């Protein structure tokens, strides 16, 4: 739910196939909200897969908030690399949610 909230999406989580279909329906295009949804989805799957492997093969458990923070870091980094600052200015709240800087740091 935390990742959805950072995407400004307020809806309950559903079954896997419904989630995939929702992504297909709501992440089209190259506008910033669609880009963030795509990146958030992929980062979530990746970090959940990493956690599954950590638990299965190493008997180690990462706290949920650390997994969310890793997802947030990956999404913010990728958006920052591909995003022009004016796109973030138009979608200020979305960028704030993900911790994406609005100005380039020198």
PDB file of N, CA and C in Angstrom:
ATOM      1  N   UNK A   1       0.818  -1.200   0.000  1.00  0.00           N
ATOM      2  CA  UNK A   1       0.000   0.000   0.000  1.00  0.00           C
ATOM      3  C   UNK A   1       0.865   1.270   0.000  1.00  0.00           C
ATOM      4  N   UNK A   2       2.025   1.211   0.664  1.00  0.00           N
ATOM      5  CA  UNK A   2       2.892   2.386   0.747  1.00  0.00           C
ATOM      6  C   UNK A   2       3.375   2.812  -0.635  1.00  0.00           C
ATOM      7  N   UNK A   3       3.713   1.845  -1.472  1.00  0.00           N
ATOM      8  CA  UNK A   3       4.196   2.171  -2.815  1.00  0.00           C
ATOM      9  C   UNK A   3       3.066   2.772  -3.643  1.00  0.00           C
ATOM     10  N   UNK A   4       1.878   2.219  -3.538  1.00  0.00           N
ATOM     11  CA  UNK A   4       0.729   2.797  -4.247  1.00  0.00           C
ATOM     12  C   UNK A   4       0.472   4.227  -3.781  1.00  0.00           C
ATOM     13  N   UNK A   5       0.544   4.452  -2.477  1.00  0.00           N
ATOM     14  CA  UNK A   5       0.305   5.794  -1.934  1.00  0.00           C
ATOM     15  C   UNK A   5       1.335   6.786  -2.473  1.00  0.00           C
ATOM     16  N   UNK A   6       2.600   6.360  -2.592  1.00  0.00           N
ATOM     17  CA  UNK A   6       3.617   7.264  -3.139  1.00  0.00           C
ATOM     18  C   UNK A   6       3.344   7.583  -4.608  1.00  0.00           C
ATOM     19  N   UNK A   7       2.603   6.697  -5.280  1.00  0.00           N
ATOM     20  CA  UNK A   7       2.206   6.929  -6.681  1.00  0.00           C
ATOM     21  C   UNK A   7       0.921   7.748  -6.761  1.00  0.00           C
ATOM     22  N   UNK A   8       0.399   8.182  -5.617  1.00  0.00           N
ATOM     23  CA  UNK A   8      -0.886   8.891  -5.535  1.00  0.00           C
ATOM     24  C   UNK A   8      -2.035   8.023  -6.032  1.00  0.00           C
ATOM     25  N   UNK A   9      -1.955   6.721  -5.753  1.00  0.00           N
ATOM     26  CA  UNK A   9      -2.995   5.772  -6.126  1.00  0.00           C
ATOM     27  C   UNK A   9      -3.616   5.259  -4.834  1.00  0.00           C
ATOM     28  N   UNK A  10      -4.897   5.494  -4.687  1.00  0.00           N
ATOM     29  CA  UNK A  10      -5.608   5.052  -3.494  1.00  0.00           C
ATOM     30  C   UNK A  10      -6.627   3.995  -3.892  1.00  0.00           C
ATOM     31  N   UNK A  11      -6.242   2.741  -3.770  1.00  0.00           N
ATOM     32  CA  UNK A  11      -7.121   1.624  -4.075  1.00  0.00           C
ATOM     33  C   UNK A  11      -6.582   0.401  -3.363  1.00  0.00           C
ATOM     34  N   UNK A  12      -7.449  -0.573  -3.117  1.00  0.00           N
ATOM     35  CA  UNK A  12      -6.972  -1.790  -2.437  1.00  0.00           C
ATOM     36  C   UNK A  12      -6.114  -2.647  -3.370  1.00  0.00           C
ATOM     37  N   UNK A  13      -5.238  -3.426  -2.772  1.00  0.00           N
ATOM     38  CA  UNK A  13      -4.413  -4.369  -3.530  1.00  0.00           C
ATOM     39  C   UNK A  13      -5.283  -5.572  -3.869  1.00  0.00           C
ATOM     40  N   UNK A  14      -5.098  -6.094  -5.069  1.00  0.00           N
ATOM     41  CA  UNK A  14      -5.918  -7.200  -5.553  1.00  0.00           C
ATOM     42  C   UNK A  14      -5.038  -8.410  -5.858  1.00  0.00           C
ATOM     43  N   UNK A  15      -5.597  -9.375  -6.580  1.00  0.00           N
ATOM     44  CA  UNK A  15      -4.851 -10.559  -6.997  1.00  0.00           C
ATOM     45  C   UNK A  15      -3.824 -10.165  -8.048  1.00  0.00           C
ATOM     46  N   UNK A  16      -2.790 -10.993  -8.180  1.00  0.00           N
ATOM     47  CA  UNK A  16      -1.670 -10.693  -9.065  1.00  0.00           C
ATOM     48  C   UNK A  16      -2.112 -10.341 -10.482  1.00  0.00           C
ATOM     49  N   UNK A  17      -2.947 -11.173 -11.101  1.00  0.00           N
ATOM     50  CA  UNK A  17      -3.362 -10.906 -12.486  1.00  0.00           C
ATOM     51  C   UNK A  17      -4.149  -9.602 -12.597  1.00  0.00           C
ATOM     52  N   UNK A  18      -4.931  -9.282 -11.578  1.00  0.00           N
ATOM     53  CA  UNK A  18      -5.654  -8.004 -11.575  1.00  0.00           C
ATOM     54  C   UNK A  18      -4.680  -6.830 -11.459  1.00  0.00           C
ATOM     55  N   UNK A  19      -3.625  -7.014 -10.685  1.00  0.00           N
ATOM     56  CA  UNK A  19      -2.617  -5.961 -10.553  1.00  0.00           C
ATOM     57  C   UNK A  19      -1.896  -5.731 -11.884  1.00  0.00           C
ATOM     58  N   UNK A  20      -1.548  -6.818 -12.548  1.00  0.00           N
ATOM     59  CA  UNK A  20      -0.893  -6.704 -13.856  1.00  0.00           C
ATOM     60  C   UNK A  20      -1.817  -5.997 -14.848  1.00  0.00           C
ATOM     61  N   UNK A  21      -3.087  -6.379 -14.859  1.00  0.00           N
ATOM     62  CA  UNK A  21      -4.045  -5.732 -15.765  1.00  0.00           C
ATOM     63  C   UNK A  21      -4.209  -4.256 -15.429  1.00  0.00           C
ATOM     64  N   UNK A  22      -4.254  -3.923 -14.140  1.00  0.00           N
ATOM     65  CA  UNK A  22      -4.372  -2.522 -13.727  1.00  0.00           C
ATOM     66  C   UNK A  22      -3.169  -1.737 -14.252  1.00  0.00           C
ATOM     67  N   UNK A  23      -1.975  -2.327 -14.141  1.00  0.00           N
ATOM     68  CA  UNK A  23      -0.776  -1.650 -14.651  1.00  0.00           C
ATOM     69  C   UNK A  23      -0.857  -1.445 -16.160  1.00  0.00           C
ATOM     70  N   UNK A  24      -1.314  -2.455 -16.873  1.00  0.00           N
ATOM     71  CA  UNK A  24      -1.448  -2.316 -18.325  1.00  0.00           C
ATOM     72  C   UNK A  24      -2.411  -1.189 -18.685  1.00  0.00           C
ATOM     73  N   UNK A  25      -3.445  -1.018 -17.887  1.00  0.00           N
ATOM     74  CA  UNK A  25      -4.457   0.006 -18.152  1.00  0.00           C
ATOM     75  C   UNK A  25      -4.035   1.402 -17.700  1.00  0.00           C
ATOM     76  N   UNK A  26      -3.187   1.504 -16.666  1.00  0.00           N
ATOM     77  CA  UNK A  26      -2.909   2.796 -16.037  1.00  0.00           C
ATOM     78  C   UNK A  26      -1.457   3.272 -16.136  1.00  0.00           C
ATOM     79  N   UNK A  27      -0.640   2.582 -16.880  1.00  0.00           N
ATOM     80  CA  UNK A  27       0.758   3.009 -16.968  1.00  0.00           C
ATOM     81  C   UNK A  27       1.194   3.204 -18.417  1.00  0.00           C
ATOM     82  N   UNK A  28       0.253   3.556 -19.244  1.00  0.00           N
ATOM     83  CA  UNK A  28       0.579   3.817 -20.655  1.00  0.00           C
ATOM     84  C   UNK A  28       1.120   5.227 -20.806  1.00  0.00           C
ATOM     85  N   UNK A  29       1.975   5.384 -21.796  1.00  0.00           N
ATOM     86  CA  UNK A  29       2.474   6.717 -22.118  1.00  0.00           C
ATOM     87  C   UNK A  29       3.814   7.006 -21.478  1.00  0.00           C
ATOM     88  N   UNK A  30       4.271   8.228 -21.717  1.00  0.00           N
ATOM     89  CA  UNK A  30       5.582   8.625 -21.206  1.00  0.00           C
ATOM     90  C   UNK A  30       5.502   9.809 -20.257  1.00  0.00           C
ATOM     91  N   UNK A  31       4.321  10.138 -19.807  1.00  0.00           N
ATOM     92  CA  UNK A  31       4.181  11.216 -18.831  1.00  0.00           C
ATOM     93  C   UNK A  31       4.732  10.731 -17.493  1.00  0.00           C
ATOM     94  N   UNK A  32       5.108  11.653 -16.635  1.00  0.00           N
ATOM     95  CA  UNK A  32       5.761  11.303 -15.383  1.00  0.00           C
ATOM     96  C   UNK A  32       4.947  10.340 -14.521  1.00  0.00           C
ATOM     97  N   UNK A  33       3.639  10.547 -14.314  1.00  0.00           N
ATOM     98  CA  UNK A  33       2.901   9.584 -13.484  1.00  0.00           C
ATOM     99  C   UNK A  33       2.955   8.152 -14.022  1.00  0.00           C
ATOM    100  N   UNK A  34       2.880   7.985 -15.329  1.00  0.00           N
ATOM    101  CA  UNK A  34       2.961   6.640 -15.918  1.00  0.00           C
ATOM    102  C   UNK A  34       4.357   6.059 -15.733  1.00  0.00           C
ATOM    103  N   UNK A  35       5.378   6.868 -15.925  1.00  0.00           N
ATOM    104  CA  UNK A  35       6.755   6.413 -15.722  1.00  0.00           C
ATOM    105  C   UNK A  35       6.965   5.963 -14.282  1.00  0.00           C
ATOM    106  N   UNK A  36       6.490   6.744 -13.339  1.00  0.00           N
ATOM    107  CA  UNK A  36       6.648   6.396 -11.929  1.00  0.00           C
ATOM    108  C   UNK A  36       5.914   5.098 -11.606  1.00  0.00           C
ATOM    109  N   UNK A  37       4.711   4.924 -12.134  1.00  0.00           N
ATOM    110  CA  UNK A  37       3.963   3.678 -11.888  1.00  0.00           C
ATOM    111  C   UNK A  37       4.719   2.470 -12.426  1.00  0.00           C
ATOM    112  N   UNK A  38       5.258   2.595 -13.639  1.00  0.00           N
ATOM    113  CA  UNK A  38       6.011   1.482 -14.228  1.00  0.00           C
ATOM    114  C   UNK A  38       7.240   1.154 -13.384  1.00  0.00           C
ATOM    115  N   UNK A  39       7.990   2.182 -13.032  1.00  0.00           N
ATOM    116  CA  UNK A  39       9.198   1.965 -12.241  1.00  0.00           C
ATOM    117  C   UNK A  39       8.861   1.403 -10.859  1.00  0.00           C
ATOM    118  N   UNK A  40       7.792   1.901 -10.249  1.00  0.00           N
ATOM    119  CA  UNK A  40       7.393   1.413  -8.928  1.00  0.00           C
ATOM    120  C   UNK A  40       6.984  -0.052  -8.989  1.00  0.00           C
ATOM    121  N   UNK A  41       6.277  -0.433 -10.023  1.00  0.00           N
ATOM    122  CA  UNK A  41       5.843  -1.816 -10.187  1.00  0.00           C
ATOM    123  C   UNK A  41       7.047  -2.741 -10.344  1.00  0.00           C
ATOM    124  N   UNK A  42       7.944  -2.372 -11.240  1.00  0.00           N
ATOM    125  CA  UNK A  42       9.122  -3.205 -11.505  1.00  0.00           C
ATOM    126  C   UNK A  42      10.019  -3.272 -10.262  1.00  0.00           C
ATOM    127  N   UNK A  43      10.244  -2.143  -9.609  1.00  0.00           N
ATOM    128  CA  UNK A  43      11.083  -2.128  -8.406  1.00  0.00           C
ATOM    129  C   UNK A  43      10.451  -2.954  -7.291  1.00  0.00           C
ATOM    130  N   UNK A  44       9.131  -2.898  -7.169  1.00  0.00           N
ATOM    131  CA  UNK A  44       8.437  -3.691  -6.144  1.00  0.00           C
ATOM    132  C   UNK A  44       8.617  -5.183  -6.397  1.00  0.00           C
ATOM    133  N   UNK A  45       8.401  -5.604  -7.631  1.00  0.00           N
ATOM    134  CA  UNK A  45       8.574  -7.024  -7.974  1.00  0.00           C
ATOM    135  C   UNK A  45      10.009  -7.444  -7.690  1.00  0.00           C
ATOM    136  N   UNK A  46      10.966  -6.639  -8.094  1.00  0.00           N
ATOM    137  CA  UNK A  46      12.381  -6.972  -7.903  1.00  0.00           C
ATOM    138  C   UNK A  46      12.731  -7.104  -6.422  1.00  0.00           C
ATOM    139  N   UNK A  47      12.325  -6.119  -5.616  1.00  0.00           N
ATOM    140  CA  UNK A  47      12.697  -6.146  -4.202  1.00  0.00           C
ATOM    141  C   UNK A  47      11.933  -7.218  -3.423  1.00  0.00           C
ATOM    142  N   UNK A  48      10.729  -7.529  -3.833  1.00  0.00           N
ATOM    143  CA  UNK A  48      10.006  -8.646  -3.204  1.00  0.00           C
ATOM    144  C   UNK A  48      10.700  -9.962  -3.562  1.00  0.00           C
ATOM    145  N   UNK A  49      11.151 -10.084  -4.797  1.00  0.00           N
ATOM    146  CA  UNK A  49      11.888 -11.273  -5.219  1.00  0.00           C
ATOM    147  C   UNK A  49      13.188 -11.403  -4.428  1.00  0.00           C
ATOM    148  N   UNK A  50      13.917 -10.296  -4.245  1.00  0.00           N
ATOM    149  CA  UNK A  50      15.137 -10.330  -3.443  1.00  0.00           C
ATOM    150  C   UNK A  50      14.843 -10.778  -2.013  1.00  0.00           C
ATOM    151  N   UNK A  51      13.769 -10.247  -1.442  1.00  0.00           N
ATOM    152  CA  UNK A  51      13.403 -10.614  -0.071  1.00  0.00           C
ATOM    153  C   UNK A  51      13.018 -12.084   0.011  1.00  0.00           C
ATOM    154  N   UNK A  52      12.310 -12.567  -0.969  1.00  0.00           N
ATOM    155  CA  UNK A  52      11.943 -13.988  -1.001  1.00  0.00           C
ATOM    156  C   UNK A  52      13.197 -14.850  -1.015  1.00  0.00           C
ATOM    157  N   UNK A  53      14.166 -14.486  -1.850  1.00  0.00           N
ATOM    158  CA  UNK A  53      15.415 -15.247  -1.910  1.00  0.00           C
ATOM    159  C   UNK A  53      16.200 -15.148  -0.608  1.00  0.00           C
ATOM    160  N   UNK A  54      16.223 -13.966  -0.002  1.00  0.00           N
ATOM    161  CA  UNK A  54      16.910 -13.775   1.268  1.00  0.00           C
ATOM    162  C   UNK A  54      16.311 -14.698   2.337  1.00  0.00           C
ATOM    163  N   UNK A  55      14.995 -14.767   2.358  1.00  0.00           N
ATOM    164  CA  UNK A  55      14.315 -15.613   3.352  1.00  0.00           C
ATOM    165  C   UNK A  55      14.511 -17.095   3.069  1.00  0.00           C
ATOM    166  N   UNK A  56      14.401 -17.489   1.809  1.00  0.00           N
ATOM    167  CA  UNK A  56      14.491 -18.910   1.448  1.00  0.00           C
ATOM    168  C   UNK A  56      15.901 -19.461   1.582  1.00  0.00           C
ATOM    169  N   UNK A  57      16.895 -18.696   1.129  1.00  0.00           N
ATOM    170  CA  UNK A  57      18.234 -19.235   1.009  1.00  0.00           C
ATOM    171  C   UNK A  57      19.197 -18.797   2.106  1.00  0.00           C
ATOM    172  N   UNK A  58      18.885 -17.705   2.788  1.00  0.00           N
ATOM    173  CA  UNK A  58      19.788 -17.214   3.837  1.00  0.00           C
ATOM    174  C   UNK A  58      19.133 -17.160   5.209  1.00  0.00           C
ATOM    175  N   UNK A  59      17.823 -17.434   5.258  1.00  0.00           N
ATOM    176  CA  UNK A  59      17.055 -17.347   6.505  1.00  0.00           C
ATOM    177  C   UNK A  59      17.230 -15.967   7.154  1.00  0.00           C
ATOM    178  N   UNK A  60      17.256 -14.932   6.316  1.00  0.00           N
ATOM    179  CA  UNK A  60      17.368 -13.548   6.775  1.00  0.00           C
ATOM    180  C   UNK A  60      16.107 -12.804   6.362  1.00  0.00           C
ATOM    181  N   UNK A  61      15.707 -11.855   7.203  1.00  0.00           N
ATOM    182  CA  UNK A  61      14.481 -11.106   6.965  1.00  0.00           C
ATOM    183  C   UNK A  61      14.778  -9.618   7.049  1.00  0.00           C
ATOM    184  N   UNK A  62      14.447  -8.891   6.003  1.00  0.00           N
ATOM    185  CA  UNK A  62      14.606  -7.441   6.007  1.00  0.00           C
ATOM    186  C   UNK A  62      13.279  -6.823   6.449  1.00  0.00           C
ATOM    187  N   UNK A  63      13.310  -5.830   7.335  1.00  0.00           N
ATOM    188  CA  UNK A  63      12.060  -5.172   7.732  1.00  0.00           C
ATOM    189  C   UNK A  63      11.340  -4.559   6.522  1.00  0.00           C
ATOM    190  N   UNK A  64      10.021  -4.589   6.568  1.00  0.00           N
ATOM    191  CA  UNK A  64       9.207  -4.092   5.454  1.00  0.00           C
ATOM    192  C   UNK A  64       9.575  -2.655   5.087  1.00  0.00           C
ATOM    193  N   UNK A  65       9.823  -1.801   6.082  1.00  0.00           N
ATOM    194  CA  UNK A  65      10.143  -0.403   5.785  1.00  0.00           C
ATOM    195  C   UNK A  65      11.452  -0.283   5.013  1.00  0.00           C
ATOM    196  N   UNK A  66      12.406  -1.154   5.278  1.00  0.00           N
ATOM    197  CA  UNK A  66      13.666  -1.129   4.523  1.00  0.00           C
ATOM    198  C   UNK A  66      13.444  -1.528   3.071  1.00  0.00           C
ATOM    199  N   UNK A  67      12.548  -2.472   2.842  1.00  0.00           N
ATOM    200  CA  UNK A  67      12.222  -2.877   1.468  1.00  0.00           C
ATOM    201  C   UNK A  67      11.554  -1.710   0.748  1.00  0.00           C
ATOM    202  N   UNK A  68      10.617  -1.058   1.418  1.00  0.00           N
ATOM    203  CA  UNK A  68       9.941   0.112   0.836  1.00  0.00           C
ATOM    204  C   UNK A  68      10.951   1.214   0.548  1.00  0.00           C
ATOM    205  N   UNK A  69      11.882   1.444   1.473  1.00  0.00           N
ATOM    206  CA  UNK A  69      12.911   2.470   1.254  1.00  0.00           C
ATOM    207  C   UNK A  69      13.788   2.125   0.054  1.00  0.00           C
ATOM    208  N   UNK A  70      14.099   0.844  -0.144  1.00  0.00           N
ATOM    209  CA  UNK A  70      14.893   0.418  -1.303  1.00  0.00           C
ATOM    210  C   UNK A  70      14.128   0.661  -2.601  1.00  0.00           C
ATOM    211  N   UNK A  71      12.837   0.350  -2.587  1.00  0.00           N
ATOM    212  CA  UNK A  71      11.985   0.608  -3.761  1.00  0.00           C
ATOM    213  C   UNK A  71      11.966   2.105  -4.052  1.00  0.00           C
ATOM    214  N   UNK A  72      11.768   2.892  -2.999  1.00  0.00           N
ATOM    215  CA  UNK A  72      11.706   4.351  -3.157  1.00  0.00           C
ATOM    216  C   UNK A  72      13.022   4.883  -3.731  1.00  0.00           C
ATOM    217  N   UNK A  73      14.129   4.402  -3.237  1.00  0.00           N
ATOM    218  CA  UNK A  73      15.437   4.845  -3.724  1.00  0.00           C
ATOM    219  C   UNK A  73      15.597   4.517  -5.208  1.00  0.00           C
ATOM    220  N   UNK A  74      15.271   3.283  -5.588  1.00  0.00           N
ATOM    221  CA  UNK A  74      15.426   2.878  -6.988  1.00  0.00           C
ATOM    222  C   UNK A  74      14.546   3.707  -7.921  1.00  0.00           C
ATOM    223  N   UNK A  75      13.299   3.917  -7.528  1.00  0.00           N
ATOM    224  CA  UNK A  75      12.381   4.695  -8.368  1.00  0.00           C
ATOM    225  C   UNK A  75      12.862   6.139  -8.469  1.00  0.00           C
ATOM    226  N   UNK A  76      13.200   6.733  -7.337  1.00  0.00           N
ATOM    227  CA  UNK A  76      13.642   8.137  -7.340  1.00  0.00           C
ATOM    228  C   UNK A  76      14.882   8.311  -8.198  1.00  0.00           C
ATOM    229  N   UNK A  77      15.833   7.407  -8.078  1.00  0.00           N
ATOM    230  CA  UNK A  77      17.065   7.497  -8.856  1.00  0.00           C
ATOM    231  C   UNK A  77      16.784   7.411 -10.354  1.00  0.00           C
ATOM    232  N   UNK A  78      15.968   6.444 -10.740  1.00  0.00           N
ATOM    233  CA  UNK A  78      15.667   6.267 -12.166  1.00  0.00           C
ATOM    234  C   UNK A  78      14.846   7.426 -12.723  1.00  0.00           C
ATOM    235  N   UNK A  79      13.907   7.938 -11.956  1.00  0.00           N
ATOM    236  CA  UNK A  79      13.128   9.088 -12.418  1.00  0.00           C
ATOM    237  C   UNK A  79      14.033  10.303 -12.530  1.00  0.00           C
ATOM    238  N   UNK A  80      14.873  10.508 -11.541  1.00  0.00           N
ATOM    239  CA  UNK A  80      15.767  11.664 -11.565  1.00  0.00           C
ATOM    240  C   UNK A  80      16.686  11.610 -12.778  1.00  0.00           C
ATOM    241  N   UNK A  81      17.172  10.424 -13.113  1.00  0.00           N
ATOM    242  CA  UNK A  81      18.054  10.289 -14.279  1.00  0.00           C
ATOM    243  C   UNK A  81      17.334  10.582 -15.594  1.00  0.00           C
ATOM    244  N   UNK A  82      16.052  10.206 -15.662  1.00  0.00           N
ATOM    245  CA  UNK A  82      15.335  10.333 -16.933  1.00  0.00           C
ATOM    246  C   UNK A  82      14.408  11.542 -16.990  1.00  0.00           C
ATOM    247  N   UNK A  83      14.270  12.237 -15.904  1.00  0.00           N
ATOM    248  CA  UNK A  83      13.254  13.301 -15.807  1.00  0.00           C
ATOM    249  C   UNK A  83      13.898  14.669 -15.953  1.00  0.00           C
ATOM    250  N   UNK A  84      13.253  15.508 -16.687  1.00  0.00           N
ATOM    251  CA  UNK A  84      13.662  16.899 -16.752  1.00  0.00           C
ATOM    252  C   UNK A  84      13.010  17.622 -15.578  1.00  0.00           C
ATOM    253  N   UNK A  85      13.692  18.609 -15.025  1.00  0.00           N
ATOM    254  CA  UNK A  85      13.204  19.273 -13.822  1.00  0.00           C
ATOM    255  C   UNK A  85      11.820  19.887 -14.012  1.00  0.00           C
ATOM    256  N   UNK A  86      11.502  20.359 -15.212  1.00  0.00           N
ATOM    257  CA  UNK A  86      10.168  20.960 -15.408  1.00  0.00           C
ATOM    258  C   UNK A  86       9.064  19.912 -15.275  1.00  0.00           C
ATOM    259  N   UNK A  87       9.368  18.647 -15.601  1.00  0.00           N
ATOM    260  CA  UNK A  87       8.368  17.583 -15.420  1.00  0.00           C
ATOM    261  C   UNK A  87       8.064  17.417 -13.937  1.00  0.00           C
ATOM    262  N   UNK A  88       9.110  17.487 -13.094  1.00  0.00           N
ATOM    263  CA  UNK A  88       8.897  17.345 -11.663  1.00  0.00           C
ATOM    264  C   UNK A  88       8.168  18.557 -11.094  1.00  0.00           C
ATOM    265  N   UNK A  89       8.421  19.719 -11.661  1.00  0.00           N
ATOM    266  CA  UNK A  89       7.711  20.897 -11.185  1.00  0.00           C
ATOM    267  C   UNK A  89       6.217  20.777 -11.466  1.00  0.00           C
ATOM    268  N   UNK A  90       5.850  20.187 -12.594  1.00  0.00           N
ATOM    269  CA  UNK A  90       4.437  19.984 -12.929  1.00  0.00           C
ATOM    270  C   UNK A  90       3.789  18.934 -12.039  1.00  0.00           C
ATOM    271  N   UNK A  91       4.574  18.002 -11.577  1.00  0.00           N
ATOM    272  CA  UNK A  91       4.069  16.909 -10.752  1.00  0.00           C
ATOM    273  C   UNK A  91       4.764  16.937  -9.395  1.00  0.00           C
ATOM    274  N   UNK A  92       4.728  18.112  -8.775  1.00  0.00           N
ATOM    275  CA  UNK A  92       5.462  18.379  -7.540  1.00  0.00           C
ATOM    276  C   UNK A  92       5.182  17.339  -6.447  1.00  0.00           C
ATOM    277  N   UNK A  93       3.918  17.049  -6.176  1.00  0.00           N
ATOM    278  CA  UNK A  93       3.564  16.126  -5.094  1.00  0.00           C
ATOM    279  C   UNK A  93       4.125  14.740  -5.360  1.00  0.00           C
ATOM    280  N   UNK A  94       4.038  14.276  -6.585  1.00  0.00           N
ATOM    281  CA  UNK A  94       4.569  12.964  -6.942  1.00  0.00           C
ATOM    282  C   UNK A  94       6.077  12.911  -6.683  1.00  0.00           C
ATOM    283  N   UNK A  95       6.784  13.954  -7.057  1.00  0.00           N
ATOM    284  CA  UNK A  95       8.229  14.000  -6.838  1.00  0.00           C
ATOM    285  C   UNK A  95       8.558  14.078  -5.347  1.00  0.00           C
ATOM    286  N   UNK A  96       7.787  14.831  -4.604  1.00  0.00           N
ATOM    287  CA  UNK A  96       7.998  14.905  -3.157  1.00  0.00           C
ATOM    288  C   UNK A  96       7.770  13.531  -2.525  1.00  0.00           C
ATOM    289  N   UNK A  97       6.715  12.823  -2.941  1.00  0.00           N
ATOM    290  CA  UNK A  97       6.424  11.491  -2.405  1.00  0.00           C
ATOM    291  C   UNK A  97       7.605  10.548  -2.554  1.00  0.00           C
ATOM    292  N   UNK A  98       8.289  10.636  -3.677  1.00  0.00           N
ATOM    293  CA  UNK A  98       9.391   9.713  -3.970  1.00  0.00           C
ATOM    294  C   UNK A  98      10.748  10.270  -3.574  1.00  0.00           C
ATOM    295  N   UNK A  99      10.803  11.516  -3.109  1.00  0.00           N
ATOM    296  CA  UNK A  99      12.078  12.106  -2.714  1.00  0.00           C
ATOM    297  C   UNK A  99      12.938  12.488  -3.895  1.00  0.00           C
ATOM    298  N   UNK A 100      12.297  12.836  -5.000  1.00  0.00           N
ATOM    299  CA  UNK A 100      13.025  13.215  -6.209  1.00  0.00           C
ATOM    300  C   UNK A 100      13.333  14.705  -6.123  1.00  0.00           C
ATOM    301  N   UNK A 101      14.617  15.072  -6.217  1.00  0.00           N
ATOM    302  CA  UNK A 101      14.955  16.494  -6.130  1.00  0.00           C
ATOM    303  C   UNK A 101      14.347  17.270  -7.301  1.00  0.00           C
ATOM    304  N   UNK A 102      13.859  18.462  -7.005  1.00  0.00           N
ATOM    305  CA  UNK A 102      13.260  19.293  -8.042  1.00  0.00           C
ATOM    306  C   UNK A 102      14.307  20.084  -8.802  1.00  0.00           C
ATOM    307  N   UNK A 103      15.478  20.219  -8.240  1.00  0.00           N
ATOM    308  CA  UNK A 103      16.556  20.943  -8.902  1.00  0.00           C
ATOM    309  C   UNK A 103      17.760  20.019  -9.010  1.00  0.00           C
ATOM    310  N   UNK A 104      18.560  20.224 -10.038  1.00  0.00           N
ATOM    311  CA  UNK A 104      19.778  19.437 -10.176  1.00  0.00           C
ATOM    312  C   UNK A 104      20.783  19.924  -9.144  1.00  0.00           C
ATOM    313  N   UNK A 105      21.446  18.964  -8.512  1.00  0.00           N
ATOM    314  CA  UNK A 105      22.506  19.309  -7.563  1.00  0.00           C
ATOM    315  C   UNK A 105      23.823  19.359  -8.303  1.00  0.00           C
ATOM    316  N   UNK A 106      24.602  20.361  -7.999  1.00  0.00           N
ATOM    317  CA  UNK A 106      25.897  20.514  -8.665  1.00  0.00           C
ATOM    318  C   UNK A 106      26.989  20.020  -7.741  1.00  0.00           C
TER     319      UNK A 106
END
